[in-house]
PDB file of N, CA and C in Angstrom:
ATOM      1  N   UNK A   1     -42.602 -52.510  31.037  1.00  0.00           N
ATOM      2  CA  UNK A   1     -42.985 -52.998  29.729  1.00  0.00           C
ATOM      3  C   UNK A   1     -41.766 -53.038  28.808  1.00  0.00           C
ATOM      4  N   UNK A   2     -41.789 -53.981  27.937  1.00  0.00           N
ATOM      5  CA  UNK A   2     -40.706 -54.092  26.967  1.00  0.00           C
ATOM      6  C   UNK A   2     -41.059 -53.243  25.745  1.00  0.00           C
ATOM      7  N   UNK A   3     -40.143 -52.386  25.371  1.00  0.00           N
ATOM      8  CA  UNK A   3     -40.311 -51.532  24.208  1.00  0.00           C
ATOM      9  C   UNK A   3     -40.170 -52.394  22.958  1.00  0.00           C
ATOM     10  N   UNK A   4     -41.178 -52.354  22.104  1.00  0.00           N
ATOM     11  CA  UNK A   4     -41.150 -53.176  20.892  1.00  0.00           C
ATOM     12  C   UNK A   4     -40.026 -52.774  19.944  1.00  0.00           C
ATOM     13  N   UNK A   5     -39.488 -51.583  20.147  1.00  0.00           N
ATOM     14  CA  UNK A   5     -38.353 -51.157  19.327  1.00  0.00           C
ATOM     15  C   UNK A   5     -37.045 -51.760  19.852  1.00  0.00           C
ATOM     16  N   UNK A   6     -37.097 -52.369  21.008  1.00  0.00           N
ATOM     17  CA  UNK A   6     -35.885 -52.915  21.607  1.00  0.00           C
ATOM     18  C   UNK A   6     -35.871 -54.445  21.496  1.00  0.00           C
ATOM     19  N   UNK A   7     -36.209 -54.928  20.319  1.00  0.00           N
ATOM     20  CA  UNK A   7     -36.163 -56.348  20.003  1.00  0.00           C
ATOM     21  C   UNK A   7     -35.134 -56.523  18.893  1.00  0.00           C
ATOM     22  N   UNK A   8     -34.167 -57.399  19.149  1.00  0.00           N
ATOM     23  CA  UNK A   8     -33.044 -57.551  18.216  1.00  0.00           C
ATOM     24  C   UNK A   8     -32.680 -59.027  18.069  1.00  0.00           C
ATOM     25  N   UNK A   9     -32.079 -59.326  16.944  1.00  0.00           N
ATOM     26  CA  UNK A   9     -31.578 -60.680  16.710  1.00  0.00           C
ATOM     27  C   UNK A   9     -30.365 -60.936  17.605  1.00  0.00           C
ATOM     28  N   UNK A  10     -30.272 -62.142  18.110  1.00  0.00           N
ATOM     29  CA  UNK A  10     -29.123 -62.522  18.939  1.00  0.00           C
ATOM     30  C   UNK A  10     -27.820 -62.298  18.182  1.00  0.00           C
ATOM     31  N   UNK A  11     -27.815 -62.596  16.897  1.00  0.00           N
ATOM     32  CA  UNK A  11     -26.585 -62.420  16.104  1.00  0.00           C
ATOM     33  C   UNK A  11     -26.169 -60.949  16.064  1.00  0.00           C
ATOM     34  N   UNK A  12     -27.141 -60.039  16.003  1.00  0.00           N
ATOM     35  CA  UNK A  12     -26.818 -58.606  16.027  1.00  0.00           C
ATOM     36  C   UNK A  12     -26.219 -58.221  17.380  1.00  0.00           C
ATOM     37  N   UNK A  13     -26.817 -58.762  18.440  1.00  0.00           N
ATOM     38  CA  UNK A  13     -26.299 -58.503  19.786  1.00  0.00           C
ATOM     39  C   UNK A  13     -24.856 -59.002  19.908  1.00  0.00           C
ATOM     40  N   UNK A  14     -24.594 -60.172  19.371  1.00  0.00           N
ATOM     41  CA  UNK A  14     -23.237 -60.730  19.446  1.00  0.00           C
ATOM     42  C   UNK A  14     -22.240 -59.850  18.691  1.00  0.00           C
ATOM     43  N   UNK A  15     -22.637 -59.339  17.536  1.00  0.00           N
ATOM     44  CA  UNK A  15     -21.737 -58.495  16.739  1.00  0.00           C
ATOM     45  C   UNK A  15     -21.491 -57.141  17.390  1.00  0.00           C
ATOM     46  N   UNK A  16     -22.500 -56.607  18.066  1.00  0.00           N
ATOM     47  CA  UNK A  16     -22.414 -55.245  18.610  1.00  0.00           C
ATOM     48  C   UNK A  16     -22.619 -55.230  20.125  1.00  0.00           C
ATOM     49  N   UNK A  17     -22.076 -56.220  20.790  1.00  0.00           N
ATOM     50  CA  UNK A  17     -22.368 -56.373  22.223  1.00  0.00           C
ATOM     51  C   UNK A  17     -21.956 -55.154  23.057  1.00  0.00           C
ATOM     52  N   UNK A  18     -20.827 -54.542  22.768  1.00  0.00           N
ATOM     53  CA  UNK A  18     -20.404 -53.367  23.547  1.00  0.00           C
ATOM     54  C   UNK A  18     -21.407 -52.222  23.405  1.00  0.00           C
ATOM     55  N   UNK A  19     -21.887 -51.992  22.189  1.00  0.00           N
ATOM     56  CA  UNK A  19     -22.884 -50.944  21.969  1.00  0.00           C
ATOM     57  C   UNK A  19     -24.182 -51.266  22.708  1.00  0.00           C
ATOM     58  N   UNK A  20     -24.610 -52.514  22.615  1.00  0.00           N
ATOM     59  CA  UNK A  20     -25.839 -52.921  23.295  1.00  0.00           C
ATOM     60  C   UNK A  20     -25.709 -52.731  24.806  1.00  0.00           C
ATOM     61  N   UNK A  21     -24.600 -53.158  25.361  1.00  0.00           N
ATOM     62  CA  UNK A  21     -24.399 -53.052  26.811  1.00  0.00           C
ATOM     63  C   UNK A  21     -24.415 -51.592  27.243  1.00  0.00           C
ATOM     64  N   UNK A  22     -23.786 -50.747  26.482  1.00  0.00           N
ATOM     65  CA  UNK A  22     -23.783 -49.309  26.795  1.00  0.00           C
ATOM     66  C   UNK A  22     -25.220 -48.760  26.794  1.00  0.00           C
ATOM     67  N   UNK A  23     -26.011 -49.138  25.789  1.00  0.00           N
ATOM     68  CA  UNK A  23     -27.400 -48.676  25.702  1.00  0.00           C
ATOM     69  C   UNK A  23     -28.248 -49.240  26.845  1.00  0.00           C
ATOM     70  N   UNK A  24     -28.024 -50.500  27.179  1.00  0.00           N
ATOM     71  CA  UNK A  24     -28.779 -51.120  28.274  1.00  0.00           C
ATOM     72  C   UNK A  24     -28.496 -50.412  29.594  1.00  0.00           C
ATOM     73  N   UNK A  25     -27.237 -50.083  29.835  1.00  0.00           N
ATOM     74  CA  UNK A  25     -26.869 -49.390  31.062  1.00  0.00           C
ATOM     75  C   UNK A  25     -27.464 -47.992  31.105  1.00  0.00           C
ATOM     76  N   UNK A  26     -27.418 -47.304  29.977  1.00  0.00           N
ATOM     77  CA  UNK A  26     -27.908 -45.927  29.919  1.00  0.00           C
ATOM     78  C   UNK A  26     -29.424 -45.869  30.090  1.00  0.00           C
ATOM     79  N   UNK A  27     -30.142 -46.755  29.414  1.00  0.00           N
ATOM     80  CA  UNK A  27     -31.611 -46.698  29.431  1.00  0.00           C
ATOM     81  C   UNK A  27     -32.216 -47.365  30.669  1.00  0.00           C
ATOM     82  N   UNK A  28     -31.533 -48.393  31.182  1.00  0.00           N
ATOM     83  CA  UNK A  28     -32.100 -49.164  32.290  1.00  0.00           C
ATOM     84  C   UNK A  28     -33.239 -50.066  31.852  1.00  0.00           C
ATOM     85  N   UNK A  29     -33.479 -50.124  30.551  1.00  0.00           N
ATOM     86  CA  UNK A  29     -34.579 -50.924  30.003  1.00  0.00           C
ATOM     87  C   UNK A  29     -34.036 -52.229  29.422  1.00  0.00           C
ATOM     88  N   UNK A  30     -34.831 -53.294  29.477  1.00  0.00           N
ATOM     89  CA  UNK A  30     -34.395 -54.579  28.915  1.00  0.00           C
ATOM     90  C   UNK A  30     -34.518 -54.607  27.399  1.00  0.00           C
ATOM     91  N   UNK A  31     -33.857 -55.564  26.806  1.00  0.00           N
ATOM     92  CA  UNK A  31     -33.965 -55.816  25.369  1.00  0.00           C
ATOM     93  C   UNK A  31     -34.296 -57.288  25.165  1.00  0.00           C
ATOM     94  N   UNK A  32     -35.113 -57.559  24.170  1.00  0.00           N
ATOM     95  CA  UNK A  32     -35.465 -58.927  23.813  1.00  0.00           C
ATOM     96  C   UNK A  32     -34.554 -59.355  22.673  1.00  0.00           C
ATOM     97  N   UNK A  33     -33.991 -60.540  22.800  1.00  0.00           N
ATOM     98  CA  UNK A  33     -33.145 -61.090  21.730  1.00  0.00           C
ATOM     99  C   UNK A  33     -33.873 -62.271  21.106  1.00  0.00           C
ATOM    100  N   UNK A  34     -33.830 -62.314  19.781  1.00  0.00           N
ATOM    101  CA  UNK A  34     -34.540 -63.364  19.056  1.00  0.00           C
ATOM    102  C   UNK A  34     -33.567 -64.330  18.393  1.00  0.00           C
ATOM    103  N   UNK A  35     -34.058 -65.540  18.192  1.00  0.00           N
ATOM    104  CA  UNK A  35     -33.344 -66.556  17.422  1.00  0.00           C
ATOM    105  C   UNK A  35     -34.348 -67.074  16.394  1.00  0.00           C
ATOM    106  N   UNK A  36     -33.981 -66.987  15.145  1.00  0.00           N
ATOM    107  CA  UNK A  36     -34.882 -67.384  14.053  1.00  0.00           C
ATOM    108  C   UNK A  36     -36.236 -66.686  14.154  1.00  0.00           C
ATOM    109  N   UNK A  37     -36.217 -65.414  14.542  1.00  0.00           N
ATOM    110  CA  UNK A  37     -37.435 -64.618  14.601  1.00  0.00           C
ATOM    111  C   UNK A  37     -38.303 -64.831  15.828  1.00  0.00           C
ATOM    112  N   UNK A  38     -37.885 -65.708  16.722  1.00  0.00           N
ATOM    113  CA  UNK A  38     -38.653 -65.998  17.932  1.00  0.00           C
ATOM    114  C   UNK A  38     -37.946 -65.413  19.148  1.00  0.00           C
ATOM    115  N   UNK A  39     -38.696 -64.754  20.014  1.00  0.00           N
ATOM    116  CA  UNK A  39     -38.118 -64.211  21.240  1.00  0.00           C
ATOM    117  C   UNK A  39     -37.551 -65.360  22.069  1.00  0.00           C
ATOM    118  N   UNK A  40     -36.294 -65.232  22.490  1.00  0.00           N
ATOM    119  CA  UNK A  40     -35.630 -66.300  23.238  1.00  0.00           C
ATOM    120  C   UNK A  40     -35.152 -65.854  24.611  1.00  0.00           C
ATOM    121  N   UNK A  41     -34.554 -64.662  24.692  1.00  0.00           N
ATOM    122  CA  UNK A  41     -34.011 -64.196  25.970  1.00  0.00           C
ATOM    123  C   UNK A  41     -34.240 -62.694  26.118  1.00  0.00           C
ATOM    124  N   UNK A  42     -34.199 -62.277  27.374  1.00  0.00           N
ATOM    125  CA  UNK A  42     -34.261 -60.858  27.697  1.00  0.00           C
ATOM    126  C   UNK A  42     -32.960 -60.517  28.405  1.00  0.00           C
ATOM    127  N   UNK A  43     -32.327 -59.425  27.981  1.00  0.00           N
ATOM    128  CA  UNK A  43     -31.094 -58.977  28.626  1.00  0.00           C
ATOM    129  C   UNK A  43     -31.309 -57.589  29.195  1.00  0.00           C
ATOM    130  N   UNK A  44     -30.617 -57.320  30.293  1.00  0.00           N
ATOM    131  CA  UNK A  44     -30.686 -55.999  30.896  1.00  0.00           C
ATOM    132  C   UNK A  44     -29.429 -55.771  31.713  1.00  0.00           C
ATOM    133  N   UNK A  45     -29.221 -54.537  32.110  1.00  0.00           N
ATOM    134  CA  UNK A  45     -28.035 -54.217  32.898  1.00  0.00           C
ATOM    135  C   UNK A  45     -28.164 -54.832  34.289  1.00  0.00           C
ATOM    136  N   UNK A  46     -27.038 -55.037  34.936  1.00  0.00           N
ATOM    137  CA  UNK A  46     -27.037 -55.596  36.285  1.00  0.00           C
ATOM    138  C   UNK A  46     -27.760 -54.674  37.258  1.00  0.00           C
ATOM    139  N   UNK A  47     -27.582 -53.367  37.092  1.00  0.00           N
ATOM    140  CA  UNK A  47     -28.242 -52.404  37.979  1.00  0.00           C
ATOM    141  C   UNK A  47     -29.764 -52.475  37.821  1.00  0.00           C
ATOM    142  N   UNK A  48     -30.242 -52.556  36.588  1.00  0.00           N
ATOM    143  CA  UNK A  48     -31.682 -52.656  36.345  1.00  0.00           C
ATOM    144  C   UNK A  48     -32.221 -53.969  36.909  1.00  0.00           C
ATOM    145  N   UNK A  49     -31.443 -55.036  36.778  1.00  0.00           N
ATOM    146  CA  UNK A  49     -31.871 -56.338  37.312  1.00  0.00           C
ATOM    147  C   UNK A  49     -31.957 -56.285  38.831  1.00  0.00           C
ATOM    148  N   UNK A  50     -31.003 -55.642  39.490  1.00  0.00           N
ATOM    149  CA  UNK A  50     -31.023 -55.508  40.935  1.00  0.00           C
ATOM    150  C   UNK A  50     -32.266 -54.742  41.389  1.00  0.00           C
ATOM    151  N   UNK A  51     -32.595 -53.668  40.672  1.00  0.00           N
ATOM    152  CA  UNK A  51     -33.808 -52.903  40.998  1.00  0.00           C
ATOM    153  C   UNK A  51     -35.055 -53.773  40.840  1.00  0.00           C
ATOM    154  N   UNK A  52     -35.071 -54.597  39.801  1.00  0.00           N
ATOM    155  CA  UNK A  52     -36.193 -55.503  39.580  1.00  0.00           C
ATOM    156  C   UNK A  52     -36.331 -56.485  40.746  1.00  0.00           C
ATOM    157  N   UNK A  53     -35.205 -57.048  41.188  1.00  0.00           N
ATOM    158  CA  UNK A  53     -35.239 -57.969  42.325  1.00  0.00           C
ATOM    159  C   UNK A  53     -35.739 -57.286  43.592  1.00  0.00           C
ATOM    160  N   UNK A  54     -35.284 -56.062  43.823  1.00  0.00           N
ATOM    161  CA  UNK A  54     -35.721 -55.318  45.008  1.00  0.00           C
ATOM    162  C   UNK A  54     -37.216 -55.019  44.944  1.00  0.00           C
ATOM    163  N   UNK A  55     -37.705 -54.642  43.777  1.00  0.00           N
ATOM    164  CA  UNK A  55     -39.133 -54.383  43.615  1.00  0.00           C
ATOM    165  C   UNK A  55     -39.946 -55.651  43.854  1.00  0.00           C
ATOM    166  N   UNK A  56     -39.441 -56.764  43.354  1.00  0.00           N
ATOM    167  CA  UNK A  56     -40.125 -58.048  43.552  1.00  0.00           C
ATOM    168  C   UNK A  56     -40.180 -58.407  45.045  1.00  0.00           C
ATOM    169  N   UNK A  57     -39.091 -58.163  45.746  1.00  0.00           N
ATOM    170  CA  UNK A  57     -39.047 -58.454  47.178  1.00  0.00           C
ATOM    171  C   UNK A  57     -40.073 -57.609  47.934  1.00  0.00           C
ATOM    172  N   UNK A  58     -40.165 -56.334  47.589  1.00  0.00           N
ATOM    173  CA  UNK A  58     -41.157 -55.460  48.223  1.00  0.00           C
ATOM    174  C   UNK A  58     -42.566 -55.965  47.924  1.00  0.00           C
ATOM    175  N   UNK A  59     -42.821 -56.330  46.673  1.00  0.00           N
ATOM    176  CA  UNK A  59     -44.131 -56.838  46.288  1.00  0.00           C
ATOM    177  C   UNK A  59     -44.492 -58.093  47.078  1.00  0.00           C
ATOM    178  N   UNK A  60     -43.551 -59.016  47.211  1.00  0.00           N
ATOM    179  CA  UNK A  60     -43.813 -60.245  47.957  1.00  0.00           C
ATOM    180  C   UNK A  60     -44.085 -59.946  49.436  1.00  0.00           C
ATOM    181  N   UNK A  61     -43.388 -58.968  49.992  1.00  0.00           N
ATOM    182  CA  UNK A  61     -43.621 -58.566  51.378  1.00  0.00           C
ATOM    183  C   UNK A  61     -45.030 -58.008  51.544  1.00  0.00           C
ATOM    184  N   UNK A  62     -45.435 -57.142  50.637  1.00  0.00           N
ATOM    185  CA  UNK A  62     -46.777 -56.559  50.690  1.00  0.00           C
ATOM    186  C   UNK A  62     -47.836 -57.654  50.533  1.00  0.00           C
ATOM    187  N   UNK A  63     -47.604 -58.593  49.629  1.00  0.00           N
ATOM    188  CA  UNK A  63     -48.549 -59.707  49.459  1.00  0.00           C
ATOM    189  C   UNK A  63     -48.656 -60.535  50.739  1.00  0.00           C
ATOM    190  N   UNK A  64     -47.537 -60.781  51.386  1.00  0.00           N
ATOM    191  CA  UNK A  64     -47.548 -61.544  52.637  1.00  0.00           C
ATOM    192  C   UNK A  64     -48.319 -60.823  53.727  1.00  0.00           C
ATOM    193  N   UNK A  65     -48.099 -59.533  53.846  1.00  0.00           N
ATOM    194  CA  UNK A  65     -48.826 -58.736  54.837  1.00  0.00           C
ATOM    195  C   UNK A  65     -50.315 -58.754  54.517  1.00  0.00           C
ATOM    196  N   UNK A  66     -50.658 -58.618  53.259  1.00  0.00           N
ATOM    197  CA  UNK A  66     -52.061 -58.634  52.842  1.00  0.00           C
ATOM    198  C   UNK A  66     -52.716 -59.971  53.186  1.00  0.00           C
ATOM    199  N   UNK A  67     -52.004 -61.079  52.917  1.00  0.00           N
ATOM    200  CA  UNK A  67     -52.542 -62.397  53.271  1.00  0.00           C
ATOM    201  C   UNK A  67     -52.768 -62.501  54.774  1.00  0.00           C
ATOM    202  N   UNK A  68     -51.816 -62.003  55.552  1.00  0.00           N
ATOM    203  CA  UNK A  68     -51.945 -62.038  57.008  1.00  0.00           C
ATOM    204  C   UNK A  68     -53.130 -61.227  57.501  1.00  0.00           C
ATOM    205  N   UNK A  69     -53.335 -60.065  56.914  1.00  0.00           N
ATOM    206  CA  UNK A  69     -54.478 -59.232  57.306  1.00  0.00           C
ATOM    207  C   UNK A  69     -55.799 -59.902  56.946  1.00  0.00           C
ATOM    208  N   UNK A  70     -55.847 -60.533  55.776  1.00  0.00           N
ATOM    209  CA  UNK A  70     -57.060 -61.252  55.382  1.00  0.00           C
ATOM    210  C   UNK A  70     -57.327 -62.424  56.330  1.00  0.00           C
ATOM    211  N   UNK A  71     -56.278 -63.148  56.714  1.00  0.00           N
ATOM    212  CA  UNK A  71     -56.450 -64.252  57.667  1.00  0.00           C
ATOM    213  C   UNK A  71     -56.940 -63.727  59.010  1.00  0.00           C
ATOM    214  N   UNK A  72     -56.411 -62.598  59.439  1.00  0.00           N
ATOM    215  CA  UNK A  72     -56.839 -62.011  60.708  1.00  0.00           C
ATOM    216  C   UNK A  72     -58.316 -61.611  60.635  1.00  0.00           C
ATOM    217  N   UNK A  73     -58.751 -61.069  59.513  1.00  0.00           N
ATOM    218  CA  UNK A  73     -60.159 -60.700  59.348  1.00  0.00           C
ATOM    219  C   UNK A  73     -61.064 -61.924  59.462  1.00  0.00           C
ATOM    220  N   UNK A  74     -60.560 -63.070  58.990  1.00  0.00           N
ATOM    221  CA  UNK A  74     -61.339 -64.306  59.039  1.00  0.00           C
ATOM    222  C   UNK A  74     -61.120 -65.059  60.355  1.00  0.00           C
ATOM    223  N   UNK A  75     -60.423 -64.426  61.280  1.00  0.00           N
ATOM    224  CA  UNK A  75     -60.120 -65.029  62.597  1.00  0.00           C
ATOM    225  C   UNK A  75     -59.391 -66.360  62.452  1.00  0.00           C
ATOM    226  N   UNK A  76     -58.481 -66.440  61.498  1.00  0.00           N
ATOM    227  CA  UNK A  76     -57.725 -67.666  61.258  1.00  0.00           C
ATOM    228  C   UNK A  76     -56.364 -67.655  61.955  1.00  0.00           C
ATOM    229  N   UNK A  77     -56.055 -66.597  62.635  1.00  0.00           N
ATOM    230  CA  UNK A  77     -54.755 -66.499  63.285  1.00  0.00           C
ATOM    231  C   UNK A  77     -54.750 -67.196  64.630  1.00  0.00           C
ATOM    232  N   UNK A  78     -53.668 -67.027  65.337  1.00  0.00           N
ATOM    233  CA  UNK A  78     -53.585 -67.562  66.683  1.00  0.00           C
ATOM    234  C   UNK A  78     -52.904 -66.524  67.560  1.00  0.00           C
ATOM    235  N   UNK A  79     -53.156 -66.580  68.869  1.00  0.00           N
ATOM    236  CA  UNK A  79     -52.578 -65.578  69.768  1.00  0.00           C
ATOM    237  C   UNK A  79     -51.050 -65.625  69.774  1.00  0.00           C
ATOM    238  N   UNK A  80     -50.433 -64.461  69.745  1.00  0.00           N
ATOM    239  CA  UNK A  80     -48.976 -64.352  69.741  1.00  0.00           C
ATOM    240  C   UNK A  80     -48.373 -64.982  70.988  1.00  0.00           C
ATOM    241  N   UNK A  81     -49.022 -64.786  72.131  1.00  0.00           N
ATOM    242  CA  UNK A  81     -48.505 -65.340  73.392  1.00  0.00           C
ATOM    243  C   UNK A  81     -48.303 -66.857  73.290  1.00  0.00           C
ATOM    244  N   UNK A  82     -49.289 -67.543  72.733  1.00  0.00           N
ATOM    245  CA  UNK A  82     -49.178 -68.999  72.585  1.00  0.00           C
ATOM    246  C   UNK A  82     -48.047 -69.390  71.646  1.00  0.00           C
ATOM    247  N   UNK A  83     -47.876 -68.643  70.568  1.00  0.00           N
ATOM    248  CA  UNK A  83     -46.795 -68.920  69.621  1.00  0.00           C
ATOM    249  C   UNK A  83     -45.434 -68.740  70.284  1.00  0.00           C
ATOM    250  N   UNK A  84     -45.285 -67.658  71.041  1.00  0.00           N
ATOM    251  CA  UNK A  84     -44.015 -67.401  71.731  1.00  0.00           C
ATOM    252  C   UNK A  84     -43.720 -68.513  72.721  1.00  0.00           C
ATOM    253  N   UNK A  85     -44.716 -68.943  73.458  1.00  0.00           N
ATOM    254  CA  UNK A  85     -44.509 -70.023  74.425  1.00  0.00           C
ATOM    255  C   UNK A  85     -44.115 -71.315  73.722  1.00  0.00           C
ATOM    256  N   UNK A  86     -44.766 -71.634  72.618  1.00  0.00           N
ATOM    257  CA  UNK A  86     -44.441 -72.839  71.857  1.00  0.00           C
ATOM    258  C   UNK A  86     -43.009 -72.787  71.324  1.00  0.00           C
ATOM    259  N   UNK A  87     -42.629 -71.660  70.748  1.00  0.00           N
ATOM    260  CA  UNK A  87     -41.276 -71.523  70.211  1.00  0.00           C
ATOM    261  C   UNK A  87     -40.224 -71.588  71.318  1.00  0.00           C
ATOM    262  N   UNK A  88     -40.521 -70.999  72.459  1.00  0.00           N
ATOM    263  CA  UNK A  88     -39.551 -71.035  73.561  1.00  0.00           C
ATOM    264  C   UNK A  88     -39.359 -72.461  74.053  1.00  0.00           C
ATOM    265  N   UNK A  89     -40.422 -73.240  74.120  1.00  0.00           N
ATOM    266  CA  UNK A  89     -40.295 -74.649  74.532  1.00  0.00           C
ATOM    267  C   UNK A  89     -39.480 -75.428  73.510  1.00  0.00           C
ATOM    268  N   UNK A  90     -39.787 -75.237  72.221  1.00  0.00           N
ATOM    269  CA  UNK A  90     -39.092 -75.972  71.156  1.00  0.00           C
ATOM    270  C   UNK A  90     -37.597 -75.682  71.148  1.00  0.00           C
ATOM    271  N   UNK A  91     -37.223 -74.466  71.517  1.00  0.00           N
ATOM    272  CA  UNK A  91     -35.816 -74.066  71.445  1.00  0.00           C
ATOM    273  C   UNK A  91     -35.141 -73.973  72.818  1.00  0.00           C
ATOM    274  N   UNK A  92     -35.845 -74.449  73.833  1.00  0.00           N
ATOM    275  CA  UNK A  92     -35.254 -74.473  75.189  1.00  0.00           C
ATOM    276  C   UNK A  92     -34.934 -73.098  75.727  1.00  0.00           C
ATOM    277  N   UNK A  93     -35.771 -72.134  75.473  1.00  0.00           N
ATOM    278  CA  UNK A  93     -35.546 -70.766  75.937  1.00  0.00           C
ATOM    279  C   UNK A  93     -36.509 -70.459  77.087  1.00  0.00           C
ATOM    280  N   UNK A  94     -35.953 -69.973  78.173  1.00  0.00           N
ATOM    281  CA  UNK A  94     -36.799 -69.610  79.318  1.00  0.00           C
ATOM    282  C   UNK A  94     -37.342 -68.206  79.115  1.00  0.00           C
ATOM    283  N   UNK A  95     -38.613 -68.036  79.390  1.00  0.00           N
ATOM    284  CA  UNK A  95     -39.247 -66.731  79.265  1.00  0.00           C
ATOM    285  C   UNK A  95     -39.277 -65.981  80.584  1.00  0.00           C
ATOM    286  N   UNK A  96     -38.674 -66.536  81.620  1.00  0.00           N
ATOM    287  CA  UNK A  96     -38.707 -65.889  82.941  1.00  0.00           C
ATOM    288  C   UNK A  96     -37.461 -65.088  83.200  1.00  0.00           C
TER     289      UNK A  96
END
């Protein structure tokens, strides 16, 4: 969640960018920057952004597994043996 106390004008960020960057790194939390009173961008440290990307990747993996399990429950899958045989033919790989 974005802390409502961490909303600042872009012009303030530009004037005090070193201070902002230090705070962003220390807190690991994002800040919202406004232009003419309207939220325009969110900034955060590179480390916090990397963690966000990793969390998103894990979430997408879990969603994919969940979709696969739901398809299996509905008998929408296909036998692995047939898939392996099809892929081996397509790529000229002998299974013997």
